[in-house]
Amino acid sequence: MMFEFAWTTPIVVLSGLLAGVLLIRAIWVVRSEELDPPERGTEPGKGYTEIEASYHSGGPGGGHSSIIRVPRDPQEYARSFVPHHAKGQNDE
């Protein structure tokens, strides 16, 4: 008696191999980030960090773009979170 392969057997085998490769790659990336985490943030200093945010809905004329300026000075950054009604008051 011979074993007959179904037409789906090559698809299942290739899918399993692909899933295995992706799993190995995911484990590799996670471990490399644990050993050498990527740097985050910017060094304090003068000036601003500019972040461009844009959204395009796909058609002509649709979407929105803006540039956000974030101060690099920690004190100026903290002052940006103070409510407007409290900015003119002195702490006593």
Protein backbone atom coordinates (compact mmCIF):
# COMPACT_ATOMS: atom_id res chain seq x y z
CA MET A 1 0.00 0.00 0.00
CA MET A 2 1.44 3.36 -1.03
CA PHE A 3 0.89 6.55 0.85
CA GLU A 4 -0.71 9.15 -1.36
CA PHE A 5 -0.13 12.84 -0.80
CA ALA A 6 -3.10 15.13 -0.89
CA TRP A 7 -2.77 18.24 -3.06
CA THR A 8 -2.71 20.36 0.11
CA THR A 9 0.35 18.63 1.59
CA PRO A 10 2.95 20.95 -0.02
CA ILE A 11 0.97 24.01 1.12
CA VAL A 12 0.82 22.72 4.69
CA VAL A 13 4.54 21.89 4.72
CA LEU A 14 5.55 25.28 3.29
CA SER A 15 3.22 27.08 5.71
CA GLY A 16 4.76 25.21 8.61
CA LEU A 17 8.29 26.06 7.45
CA LEU A 18 7.37 29.71 7.04
CA ALA A 19 5.78 29.81 10.50
CA GLY A 20 8.92 28.23 11.96
CA VAL A 21 11.20 30.77 10.28
CA LEU A 22 9.01 33.66 11.50
CA LEU A 23 9.00 32.27 15.04
CA ILE A 24 12.78 31.93 15.09
CA ARG A 25 13.17 35.48 13.72
CA ALA A 26 10.76 36.89 16.33
CA ILE A 27 12.67 35.20 19.16
CA TRP A 28 15.95 36.51 17.74
CA VAL A 29 14.65 40.12 17.56
CA VAL A 30 13.21 40.06 21.08
CA ARG A 31 16.42 38.66 22.58
CA SER A 32 18.62 41.15 20.73
CA GLU A 33 16.49 44.05 22.01
CA GLU A 34 16.73 42.72 25.56
CA LEU A 35 20.53 42.54 25.38
CA ASP A 36 21.00 45.90 23.63
CA PRO A 37 17.86 48.04 24.07
CA PRO A 38 17.37 50.81 21.51
CA GLU A 39 18.02 54.35 22.72
CA ARG A 40 14.98 56.46 23.42
CA GLY A 41 14.45 60.18 23.67
CA THR A 42 16.86 63.01 22.97
CA GLU A 43 19.60 64.70 24.94
CA PRO A 44 18.56 67.86 26.81
CA GLY A 45 19.68 71.11 25.20
CA LYS A 46 18.53 74.19 23.39
CA GLY A 47 16.09 74.28 20.52
CA TYR A 48 13.30 71.96 19.58
CA THR A 49 12.75 68.48 18.23
CA GLU A 50 10.34 68.62 15.29
CA ILE A 51 7.94 65.75 14.72
CA GLU A 52 6.05 65.59 11.44
CA ALA A 53 2.63 63.97 11.70
CA SER A 54 0.58 63.41 8.58
CA TYR A 55 -2.56 61.59 7.62
CA HIS A 56 -3.73 61.02 4.05
CA SER A 57 -7.12 59.49 3.39
CA GLY A 58 -6.19 58.21 -0.04
CA GLY A 59 -8.09 60.47 -2.38
CA PRO A 60 -7.16 63.84 -3.84
CA GLY A 61 -7.48 66.66 -1.35
CA GLY A 62 -7.92 64.45 1.70
CA GLY A 63 -5.69 64.31 4.72
CA HIS A 64 -3.94 66.46 7.28
CA SER A 65 -0.31 67.36 8.01
CA SER A 66 1.21 69.12 11.00
CA ILE A 67 4.56 69.66 12.63
CA ILE A 68 4.85 69.36 16.41
CA ARG A 69 7.72 71.22 18.08
CA VAL A 70 8.85 69.68 21.37
CA PRO A 71 11.32 71.70 23.48
CA ARG A 72 14.60 69.96 24.30
CA ASP A 73 14.96 71.97 27.55
CA PRO A 74 13.38 69.87 30.37
CA GLN A 75 12.13 72.97 32.26
CA GLU A 76 10.47 74.45 29.19
CA TYR A 77 8.94 71.05 28.40
CA ALA A 78 7.51 70.82 31.95
CA ARG A 79 6.09 74.37 31.73
CA SER A 80 4.11 73.36 28.65
CA PHE A 81 1.93 71.15 30.87
CA VAL A 82 0.93 73.96 33.28
CA PRO A 83 -2.69 75.03 32.71
CA HIS A 84 -3.15 78.48 31.15
CA HIS A 85 -5.10 79.84 34.13
CA ALA A 86 -2.23 78.97 36.52
CA LYS A 87 0.70 80.38 34.51
CA GLY A 88 0.55 83.92 35.93
CA GLN A 89 0.27 82.93 39.61
CA ASN A 90 3.20 82.83 42.05
CA ASP A 91 3.68 79.90 44.41
CA GLU A 92 3.46 81.05 48.03
